[in-house]
Amino acid sequence: MGMDVYGRKPKNKTGEYFRANVWSWRPIYWLCYVATKRHEKITGYDDLIPDKTFRGMEYNGGYGLRSERKCKLLSDYLQDVVDNFFKPELIPFEEECDDGFKFGVYGDDNFYIDFGEDVVSPPEEVHKLLLEKGEVTTPNLEEISYQTNKEHIQEFIGFLRNCGGFQVW
């Protein structure tokens, strides 16, 4: 099962189609949220992805951005977020929000999110490193549920720059 993202007016093959399985779509979707919030903080405008559209993009209902301009803006802000999260001097890292939500990057440029509902933890060797650094206190060596890699995120950014708007099916 996955998310099929189709370009509305693709400029080239890169903008025609993007696919992500449900496990990798969630982190990409969440990064779009972070990019949208960053846009709002910098510009003061909260309209990059309207709330109804954003909520709809979580499912296969055809929601997405209609304009090339907004796709370009989203790609720029998403690239900025990726550049900040994937700095070699920061990896591995894990951040925990007030509500127990966690996100991080571990070796091999893999990004993960943990909603607190599912067991999500980095691989054993990374978890040991985090324990040694005092950044994780309880070992949980289950497989990561929601993860994707930097290359897949970059593919989505390339898609956004060339899709002319998109729909998530």
N, C-alpha and C. Protein backbone atom coordinates (compact mmCIF):
# COMPACT_ATOMS: atom_id res chain seq x y z
N MET A 1 0.84 -1.17 0.00
CA MET A 1 0.00 0.00 0.00
C MET A 1 0.89 1.23 0.00
N GLY A 2 0.47 2.23 -0.75
CA GLY A 2 1.31 3.41 -0.83
C GLY A 2 0.54 4.63 -1.27
N MET A 3 1.27 5.69 -1.40
CA MET A 3 0.72 6.97 -1.84
C MET A 3 1.25 7.24 -3.23
N ASP A 4 0.34 7.42 -4.15
CA ASP A 4 0.68 7.76 -5.52
C ASP A 4 0.42 9.25 -5.69
N VAL A 5 1.46 9.99 -6.00
CA VAL A 5 1.36 11.44 -6.12
C VAL A 5 1.57 11.79 -7.60
N TYR A 6 0.56 12.38 -8.19
CA TYR A 6 0.59 12.71 -9.62
C TYR A 6 0.70 14.21 -9.82
N GLY A 7 1.55 14.59 -10.76
CA GLY A 7 1.68 15.98 -11.13
C GLY A 7 0.47 16.43 -11.94
N ARG A 8 0.01 17.65 -11.69
CA ARG A 8 -1.15 18.20 -12.43
C ARG A 8 -0.73 18.70 -13.81
N LYS A 9 0.38 19.40 -13.89
CA LYS A 9 0.89 19.93 -15.16
C LYS A 9 2.41 19.75 -15.17
N PRO A 10 2.84 18.50 -15.28
CA PRO A 10 4.29 18.24 -15.18
C PRO A 10 5.09 18.90 -16.29
N LYS A 11 6.25 19.42 -15.90
CA LYS A 11 7.17 20.03 -16.86
C LYS A 11 7.99 18.96 -17.57
N ASN A 12 8.24 17.86 -16.87
CA ASN A 12 9.06 16.78 -17.40
C ASN A 12 8.73 15.48 -16.66
N LYS A 13 9.47 14.43 -16.94
CA LYS A 13 9.20 13.12 -16.35
C LYS A 13 9.29 13.15 -14.81
N THR A 14 10.22 13.93 -14.28
CA THR A 14 10.39 14.03 -12.82
C THR A 14 9.11 14.51 -12.15
N GLY A 15 8.36 15.38 -12.81
CA GLY A 15 7.15 15.95 -12.24
C GLY A 15 5.88 15.18 -12.53
N GLU A 16 5.98 14.05 -13.20
CA GLU A 16 4.79 13.28 -13.54
C GLU A 16 4.25 12.46 -12.36
N TYR A 17 5.15 11.81 -11.63
CA TYR A 17 4.70 10.82 -10.65
C TYR A 17 5.73 10.65 -9.55
N PHE A 18 5.25 10.53 -8.32
CA PHE A 18 6.09 10.21 -7.16
C PHE A 18 5.35 9.17 -6.35
N ARG A 19 6.06 8.16 -5.89
CA ARG A 19 5.44 7.09 -5.10
C ARG A 19 6.19 6.94 -3.80
N ALA A 20 5.41 6.74 -2.74
CA ALA A 20 5.97 6.44 -1.42
C ALA A 20 5.07 5.42 -0.75
N ASN A 21 5.67 4.42 -0.10
CA ASN A 21 4.83 3.51 0.67
C ASN A 21 4.32 4.26 1.91
N VAL A 22 3.34 3.69 2.57
CA VAL A 22 2.73 4.41 3.70
C VAL A 22 3.74 4.68 4.81
N TRP A 23 4.74 3.83 4.95
CA TRP A 23 5.73 4.00 6.02
C TRP A 23 6.68 5.15 5.72
N SER A 24 6.97 5.40 4.45
CA SER A 24 7.87 6.51 4.12
C SER A 24 7.09 7.80 3.84
N TRP A 25 5.80 7.69 3.49
CA TRP A 25 5.02 8.89 3.23
C TRP A 25 4.83 9.72 4.51
N ARG A 26 4.60 9.06 5.63
CA ARG A 26 4.37 9.81 6.88
C ARG A 26 5.50 10.76 7.21
N PRO A 27 6.77 10.33 7.17
CA PRO A 27 7.84 11.30 7.43
C PRO A 27 7.90 12.42 6.39
N ILE A 28 7.65 12.10 5.13
CA ILE A 28 7.66 13.14 4.08
C ILE A 28 6.52 14.12 4.34
N TYR A 29 5.36 13.59 4.64
CA TYR A 29 4.18 14.40 4.96
C TYR A 29 4.47 15.30 6.17
N TRP A 30 5.08 14.74 7.21
CA TRP A 30 5.41 15.51 8.40
C TRP A 30 6.44 16.60 8.08
N LEU A 31 7.42 16.29 7.23
CA LEU A 31 8.40 17.30 6.83
C LEU A 31 7.73 18.43 6.05
N CYS A 32 6.68 18.10 5.28
CA CYS A 32 5.91 19.16 4.60
C CYS A 32 5.26 20.08 5.63
N TYR A 33 4.79 19.50 6.73
CA TYR A 33 4.21 20.29 7.82
C TYR A 33 5.27 21.23 8.41
N VAL A 34 6.44 20.70 8.68
CA VAL A 34 7.53 21.50 9.23
C VAL A 34 7.90 22.63 8.26
N ALA A 35 7.97 22.30 6.97
CA ALA A 35 8.29 23.30 5.96
C ALA A 35 7.22 24.38 5.91
N THR A 36 5.96 23.98 6.04
CA THR A 36 4.85 24.94 6.03
C THR A 36 4.93 25.86 7.24
N LYS A 37 5.24 25.30 8.40
CA LYS A 37 5.37 26.11 9.62
C LYS A 37 6.57 27.07 9.51
N ARG A 38 7.63 26.60 8.88
CA ARG A 38 8.80 27.46 8.67
C ARG A 38 8.43 28.63 7.76
N HIS A 39 7.69 28.34 6.70
CA HIS A 39 7.21 29.39 5.78
C HIS A 39 6.38 30.41 6.55
N GLU A 40 5.49 29.92 7.40
CA GLU A 40 4.62 30.81 8.19
C GLU A 40 5.44 31.69 9.12
N LYS A 41 6.44 31.09 9.76
CA LYS A 41 7.28 31.85 10.70
C LYS A 41 8.07 32.94 9.98
N ILE A 42 8.59 32.63 8.81
CA ILE A 42 9.41 33.58 8.08
C ILE A 42 8.59 34.66 7.40
N THR A 43 7.45 34.28 6.80
CA THR A 43 6.68 35.24 6.01
C THR A 43 5.48 35.83 6.75
N GLY A 44 5.00 35.14 7.77
CA GLY A 44 3.79 35.57 8.46
C GLY A 44 2.52 35.06 7.79
N TYR A 45 2.65 34.35 6.67
CA TYR A 45 1.49 33.81 5.96
C TYR A 45 1.33 32.33 6.26
N ASP A 46 0.09 31.92 6.55
CA ASP A 46 -0.17 30.53 6.89
C ASP A 46 -0.91 29.78 5.77
N ASP A 47 -0.74 30.25 4.54
CA ASP A 47 -1.53 29.70 3.44
C ASP A 47 -0.75 28.83 2.47
N LEU A 48 0.47 28.42 2.81
CA LEU A 48 1.24 27.61 1.87
C LEU A 48 0.48 26.33 1.52
N ILE A 49 0.09 25.58 2.54
CA ILE A 49 -0.80 24.43 2.34
C ILE A 49 -2.01 24.67 3.25
N PRO A 50 -3.16 24.95 2.67
CA PRO A 50 -4.35 25.15 3.50
C PRO A 50 -4.61 23.91 4.37
N ASP A 51 -5.15 24.14 5.56
CA ASP A 51 -5.34 23.07 6.53
C ASP A 51 -6.13 21.88 5.97
N LYS A 52 -7.22 22.16 5.29
CA LYS A 52 -8.04 21.06 4.74
C LYS A 52 -7.24 20.25 3.71
N THR A 53 -6.49 20.94 2.88
CA THR A 53 -5.66 20.27 1.89
C THR A 53 -4.59 19.43 2.57
N PHE A 54 -3.94 20.03 3.57
CA PHE A 54 -2.89 19.30 4.27
C PHE A 54 -3.43 18.04 4.92
N ARG A 55 -4.55 18.15 5.63
CA ARG A 55 -5.14 16.97 6.27
C ARG A 55 -5.50 15.91 5.22
N GLY A 56 -6.00 16.35 4.07
CA GLY A 56 -6.36 15.41 3.01
C GLY A 56 -5.17 14.72 2.38
N MET A 57 -4.00 15.36 2.40
CA MET A 57 -2.80 14.76 1.80
C MET A 57 -2.31 13.55 2.58
N GLU A 58 -2.83 13.35 3.77
CA GLU A 58 -2.42 12.19 4.57
C GLU A 58 -3.01 10.90 4.01
N TYR A 59 -4.05 11.01 3.20
CA TYR A 59 -4.76 9.85 2.68
C TYR A 59 -4.78 9.88 1.15
N ASN A 60 -5.30 8.85 0.56
CA ASN A 60 -5.37 8.72 -0.90
C ASN A 60 -6.66 9.32 -1.44
N GLY A 61 -6.95 10.57 -1.18
CA GLY A 61 -8.21 11.18 -1.59
C GLY A 61 -8.11 12.22 -2.68
N GLY A 62 -6.93 12.38 -3.28
CA GLY A 62 -6.79 13.34 -4.36
C GLY A 62 -6.45 14.76 -3.93
N TYR A 63 -6.18 14.97 -2.65
CA TYR A 63 -5.82 16.30 -2.17
C TYR A 63 -4.39 16.63 -2.58
N GLY A 64 -4.11 17.90 -2.71
CA GLY A 64 -2.77 18.36 -3.02
C GLY A 64 -2.79 19.81 -3.44
N LEU A 65 -1.63 20.33 -3.76
CA LEU A 65 -1.52 21.72 -4.18
C LEU A 65 -1.88 21.85 -5.65
N ARG A 66 -2.50 22.96 -5.99
CA ARG A 66 -2.94 23.19 -7.37
C ARG A 66 -1.96 24.05 -8.16
N SER A 67 -1.17 24.86 -7.48
CA SER A 67 -0.36 25.83 -8.22
C SER A 67 1.12 25.46 -8.25
N GLU A 68 1.72 25.78 -9.35
CA GLU A 68 3.16 25.58 -9.51
C GLU A 68 3.92 26.45 -8.51
N ARG A 69 3.44 27.67 -8.29
CA ARG A 69 4.09 28.60 -7.36
C ARG A 69 4.17 28.02 -5.95
N LYS A 70 3.07 27.45 -5.47
CA LYS A 70 3.07 26.89 -4.11
C LYS A 70 3.94 25.63 -4.04
N CYS A 71 3.95 24.85 -5.10
CA CYS A 71 4.81 23.66 -5.12
C CYS A 71 6.28 24.08 -5.05
N LYS A 72 6.62 25.13 -5.77
CA LYS A 72 8.00 25.65 -5.75
C LYS A 72 8.35 26.16 -4.37
N LEU A 73 7.43 26.93 -3.75
CA LEU A 73 7.67 27.40 -2.38
C LEU A 73 7.85 26.24 -1.41
N LEU A 74 6.95 25.26 -1.50
CA LEU A 74 7.05 24.09 -0.62
C LEU A 74 8.39 23.39 -0.83
N SER A 75 8.80 23.23 -2.07
CA SER A 75 10.08 22.55 -2.34
C SER A 75 11.24 23.34 -1.73
N ASP A 76 11.21 24.65 -1.82
CA ASP A 76 12.28 25.47 -1.26
C ASP A 76 12.34 25.35 0.26
N TYR A 77 11.20 25.45 0.91
CA TYR A 77 11.18 25.33 2.38
C TYR A 77 11.49 23.91 2.83
N LEU A 78 11.03 22.94 2.08
CA LEU A 78 11.34 21.54 2.40
C LEU A 78 12.84 21.30 2.26
N GLN A 79 13.45 21.85 1.22
CA GLN A 79 14.90 21.71 1.04
C GLN A 79 15.65 22.34 2.21
N ASP A 80 15.17 23.48 2.67
CA ASP A 80 15.79 24.15 3.82
C ASP A 80 15.72 23.27 5.07
N VAL A 81 14.58 22.64 5.30
CA VAL A 81 14.42 21.75 6.45
C VAL A 81 15.37 20.56 6.32
N VAL A 82 15.42 19.95 5.15
CA VAL A 82 16.30 18.81 4.91
C VAL A 82 17.76 19.21 5.14
N ASP A 83 18.16 20.35 4.61
CA ASP A 83 19.54 20.81 4.80
C ASP A 83 19.88 20.97 6.28
N ASN A 84 18.92 21.43 7.07
CA ASN A 84 19.17 21.60 8.51
C ASN A 84 19.16 20.27 9.26
N PHE A 85 18.29 19.35 8.90
CA PHE A 85 18.19 18.06 9.60
C PHE A 85 19.33 17.12 9.25
N PHE A 86 19.88 17.22 8.05
CA PHE A 86 20.88 16.26 7.60
C PHE A 86 22.30 16.81 7.63
N LYS A 87 22.57 17.71 8.55
CA LYS A 87 23.93 18.20 8.72
C LYS A 87 24.76 17.08 9.34
N PRO A 88 25.89 16.72 8.72
CA PRO A 88 26.68 15.59 9.23
C PRO A 88 27.07 15.74 10.71
N GLU A 89 27.32 16.96 11.15
CA GLU A 89 27.74 17.15 12.55
C GLU A 89 26.61 16.90 13.54
N LEU A 90 25.37 16.83 13.07
CA LEU A 90 24.22 16.58 13.95
C LEU A 90 23.83 15.10 14.02
N ILE A 91 24.25 14.31 13.05
CA ILE A 91 23.77 12.94 12.93
C ILE A 91 24.64 12.03 13.78
N PRO A 92 24.12 11.12 14.59
CA PRO A 92 22.69 10.89 14.76
C PRO A 92 22.10 11.87 15.77
N PHE A 93 20.82 12.16 15.61
CA PHE A 93 20.12 12.98 16.59
C PHE A 93 18.69 12.52 16.71
N GLU A 94 18.12 12.82 17.85
CA GLU A 94 16.70 12.56 18.08
C GLU A 94 16.17 13.71 18.91
N GLU A 95 15.03 14.23 18.52
CA GLU A 95 14.35 15.30 19.26
C GLU A 95 13.02 14.78 19.75
N GLU A 96 12.65 15.17 20.94
CA GLU A 96 11.34 14.79 21.48
C GLU A 96 10.55 16.05 21.78
N CYS A 97 9.33 16.09 21.28
CA CYS A 97 8.43 17.21 21.52
C CYS A 97 7.68 16.99 22.82
N ASP A 98 6.99 18.02 23.29
CA ASP A 98 6.27 17.95 24.55
C ASP A 98 5.24 16.83 24.60
N ASP A 99 4.64 16.50 23.48
CA ASP A 99 3.58 15.49 23.45
C ASP A 99 4.11 14.07 23.26
N GLY A 100 5.42 13.88 23.37
CA GLY A 100 5.99 12.55 23.23
C GLY A 100 6.36 12.19 21.80
N PHE A 101 6.03 13.03 20.86
CA PHE A 101 6.38 12.81 19.46
C PHE A 101 7.90 12.94 19.32
N LYS A 102 8.51 12.02 18.59
CA LYS A 102 9.95 12.05 18.39
C LYS A 102 10.26 12.02 16.90
N PHE A 103 11.38 12.63 16.55
CA PHE A 103 11.89 12.54 15.19
C PHE A 103 13.40 12.59 15.25
N GLY A 104 14.03 12.08 14.22
CA GLY A 104 15.48 12.10 14.21
C GLY A 104 16.06 11.57 12.93
N VAL A 105 17.37 11.68 12.86
CA VAL A 105 18.14 11.15 11.74
C VAL A 105 19.22 10.26 12.32
N TYR A 106 19.36 9.09 11.74
CA TYR A 106 20.46 8.22 12.14
C TYR A 106 21.30 7.91 10.92
N GLY A 107 22.36 7.14 11.09
CA GLY A 107 23.31 6.85 10.02
C GLY A 107 22.66 6.50 8.70
N ASP A 108 23.43 6.61 7.64
CA ASP A 108 22.98 6.33 6.28
C ASP A 108 21.85 7.26 5.84
N ASP A 109 21.78 8.45 6.42
CA ASP A 109 20.80 9.46 6.02
C ASP A 109 19.36 9.01 6.11
N ASN A 110 19.03 8.27 7.15
CA ASN A 110 17.65 7.83 7.36
C ASN A 110 16.96 8.72 8.38
N PHE A 111 15.78 9.17 8.01
CA PHE A 111 14.96 10.05 8.85
C PHE A 111 13.78 9.24 9.38
N TYR A 112 13.45 9.41 10.64
CA TYR A 112 12.33 8.67 11.23
C TYR A 112 11.47 9.58 12.09
N ILE A 113 10.23 9.17 12.26
CA ILE A 113 9.31 9.83 13.17
C ILE A 113 8.66 8.78 14.04
N ASP A 114 8.30 9.18 15.24
CA ASP A 114 7.65 8.30 16.21
C ASP A 114 6.50 9.07 16.82
N PHE A 115 5.29 8.64 16.52
CA PHE A 115 4.10 9.31 17.03
C PHE A 115 3.77 8.90 18.46
N GLY A 116 4.53 7.94 19.00
CA GLY A 116 4.24 7.47 20.34
C GLY A 116 3.24 6.33 20.34
N GLU A 117 2.55 6.11 19.22
CA GLU A 117 1.58 5.02 19.12
C GLU A 117 2.28 3.73 18.73
N ASP A 118 3.26 3.85 17.85
CA ASP A 118 3.98 2.70 17.35
C ASP A 118 5.38 2.72 17.93
N VAL A 119 5.96 1.55 18.06
CA VAL A 119 7.32 1.47 18.54
C VAL A 119 8.24 1.90 17.42
N VAL A 120 9.00 2.93 17.67
CA VAL A 120 9.92 3.45 16.68
C VAL A 120 11.23 3.73 17.37
N SER A 121 12.27 3.13 16.89
CA SER A 121 13.57 3.31 17.51
C SER A 121 14.66 3.07 16.47
N PRO A 122 15.81 3.73 16.59
CA PRO A 122 16.87 3.51 15.62
C PRO A 122 17.47 2.11 15.76
N PRO A 123 18.26 1.68 14.78
CA PRO A 123 18.88 0.37 14.85
C PRO A 123 19.74 0.23 16.10
N GLU A 124 20.00 -0.99 16.49
CA GLU A 124 20.68 -1.29 17.75
C GLU A 124 21.99 -0.52 17.92
N GLU A 125 22.85 -0.50 16.88
CA GLU A 125 24.15 0.16 17.02
C GLU A 125 24.00 1.66 17.23
N VAL A 126 23.02 2.28 16.60
CA VAL A 126 22.78 3.71 16.78
C VAL A 126 22.19 3.95 18.16
N HIS A 127 21.28 3.07 18.57
CA HIS A 127 20.67 3.21 19.89
C HIS A 127 21.73 3.14 20.98
N LYS A 128 22.70 2.24 20.83
CA LYS A 128 23.79 2.13 21.81
C LYS A 128 24.59 3.43 21.87
N LEU A 129 24.87 4.02 20.71
CA LEU A 129 25.59 5.29 20.65
C LEU A 129 24.81 6.39 21.36
N LEU A 130 23.49 6.44 21.12
CA LEU A 130 22.66 7.45 21.77
C LEU A 130 22.62 7.23 23.29
N LEU A 131 22.59 5.96 23.71
CA LEU A 131 22.63 5.66 25.15
C LEU A 131 23.94 6.16 25.76
N GLU A 132 25.05 5.89 25.08
CA GLU A 132 26.36 6.33 25.57
C GLU A 132 26.43 7.85 25.70
N LYS A 133 25.80 8.54 24.76
CA LYS A 133 25.81 10.00 24.78
C LYS A 133 24.80 10.56 25.78
N GLY A 134 24.01 9.68 26.40
CA GLY A 134 23.00 10.11 27.36
C GLY A 134 21.78 10.72 26.72
N GLU A 135 21.58 10.48 25.43
CA GLU A 135 20.46 11.07 24.72
C GLU A 135 19.22 10.19 24.70
N VAL A 136 19.37 8.93 25.06
CA VAL A 136 18.25 8.00 25.15
C VAL A 136 18.42 7.26 26.46
N THR A 137 17.36 7.10 27.21
CA THR A 137 17.49 6.47 28.52
C THR A 137 16.98 5.04 28.58
N THR A 138 16.03 4.67 27.75
CA THR A 138 15.51 3.31 27.80
C THR A 138 15.71 2.61 26.46
N PRO A 139 16.32 1.44 26.48
CA PRO A 139 16.54 0.76 25.21
C PRO A 139 15.24 0.22 24.63
N ASN A 140 15.05 0.46 23.38
CA ASN A 140 13.90 -0.08 22.65
C ASN A 140 14.40 -0.37 21.25
N LEU A 141 14.70 -1.63 20.99
CA LEU A 141 15.40 -1.99 19.77
C LEU A 141 14.49 -2.55 18.70
N GLU A 142 13.22 -2.17 18.73
CA GLU A 142 12.29 -2.60 17.69
C GLU A 142 12.63 -1.90 16.38
N GLU A 143 12.14 -2.43 15.31
CA GLU A 143 12.37 -1.85 13.99
C GLU A 143 11.62 -0.51 13.86
N ILE A 144 12.22 0.41 13.15
CA ILE A 144 11.59 1.71 12.92
C ILE A 144 10.38 1.53 12.02
N SER A 145 9.26 2.12 12.41
CA SER A 145 8.05 2.02 11.62
C SER A 145 8.00 3.07 10.52
N TYR A 146 8.06 4.32 10.87
CA TYR A 146 7.92 5.40 9.90
C TYR A 146 9.28 6.00 9.60
N GLN A 147 9.83 5.64 8.45
CA GLN A 147 11.14 6.16 8.10
C GLN A 147 11.26 6.29 6.59
N THR A 148 12.16 7.15 6.21
CA THR A 148 12.53 7.30 4.81
C THR A 148 13.97 7.78 4.78
N ASN A 149 14.55 7.83 3.61
CA ASN A 149 15.92 8.29 3.55
C ASN A 149 15.99 9.64 2.82
N LYS A 150 17.13 10.26 2.95
CA LYS A 150 17.32 11.60 2.36
C LYS A 150 17.12 11.57 0.85
N GLU A 151 17.58 10.52 0.20
CA GLU A 151 17.43 10.42 -1.26
C GLU A 151 15.97 10.44 -1.68
N HIS A 152 15.11 9.73 -0.93
CA HIS A 152 13.68 9.69 -1.26
C HIS A 152 13.03 11.07 -1.05
N ILE A 153 13.44 11.76 0.00
CA ILE A 153 12.93 13.11 0.26
C ILE A 153 13.37 14.04 -0.88
N GLN A 154 14.63 13.91 -1.31
CA GLN A 154 15.13 14.73 -2.41
C GLN A 154 14.36 14.44 -3.70
N GLU A 155 13.96 13.19 -3.91
CA GLU A 155 13.14 12.86 -5.08
C GLU A 155 11.81 13.60 -5.01
N PHE A 156 11.21 13.67 -3.81
CA PHE A 156 9.95 14.39 -3.66
C PHE A 156 10.15 15.88 -3.93
N ILE A 157 11.24 16.44 -3.45
CA ILE A 157 11.54 17.85 -3.70
C ILE A 157 11.68 18.10 -5.20
N GLY A 158 12.37 17.20 -5.90
CA GLY A 158 12.49 17.31 -7.35
C GLY A 158 11.14 17.21 -8.04
N PHE A 159 10.30 16.31 -7.56
CA PHE A 159 8.95 16.17 -8.09
C PHE A 159 8.20 17.49 -7.92
N LEU A 160 8.24 18.08 -6.71
CA LEU A 160 7.54 19.33 -6.45
C LEU A 160 7.98 20.44 -7.40
N ARG A 161 9.25 20.48 -7.70
CA ARG A 161 9.77 21.54 -8.56
C ARG A 161 9.34 21.39 -10.02
N ASN A 162 8.81 20.22 -10.36
CA ASN A 162 8.49 19.96 -11.75
C ASN A 162 7.06 19.48 -12.01
N CYS A 163 6.22 19.46 -10.99
CA CYS A 163 4.90 18.84 -11.14
C CYS A 163 3.79 19.79 -11.57
N GLY A 164 3.94 21.08 -11.34
CA GLY A 164 2.88 22.03 -11.71
C GLY A 164 1.62 21.86 -10.88
N GLY A 165 1.76 21.45 -9.64
CA GLY A 165 0.63 21.09 -8.77
C GLY A 165 0.57 19.58 -8.68
N PHE A 166 -0.09 19.06 -7.64
CA PHE A 166 -0.13 17.61 -7.49
C PHE A 166 -1.39 17.16 -6.77
N GLN A 167 -1.64 15.87 -6.88
CA GLN A 167 -2.74 15.21 -6.16
C GLN A 167 -2.20 13.92 -5.56
N VAL A 168 -2.59 13.64 -4.33
CA VAL A 168 -2.17 12.42 -3.64
C VAL A 168 -3.29 11.39 -3.75
N TRP A 169 -3.00 10.29 -4.40
CA TRP A 169 -3.96 9.18 -4.54
C TRP A 169 -3.40 7.92 -3.94
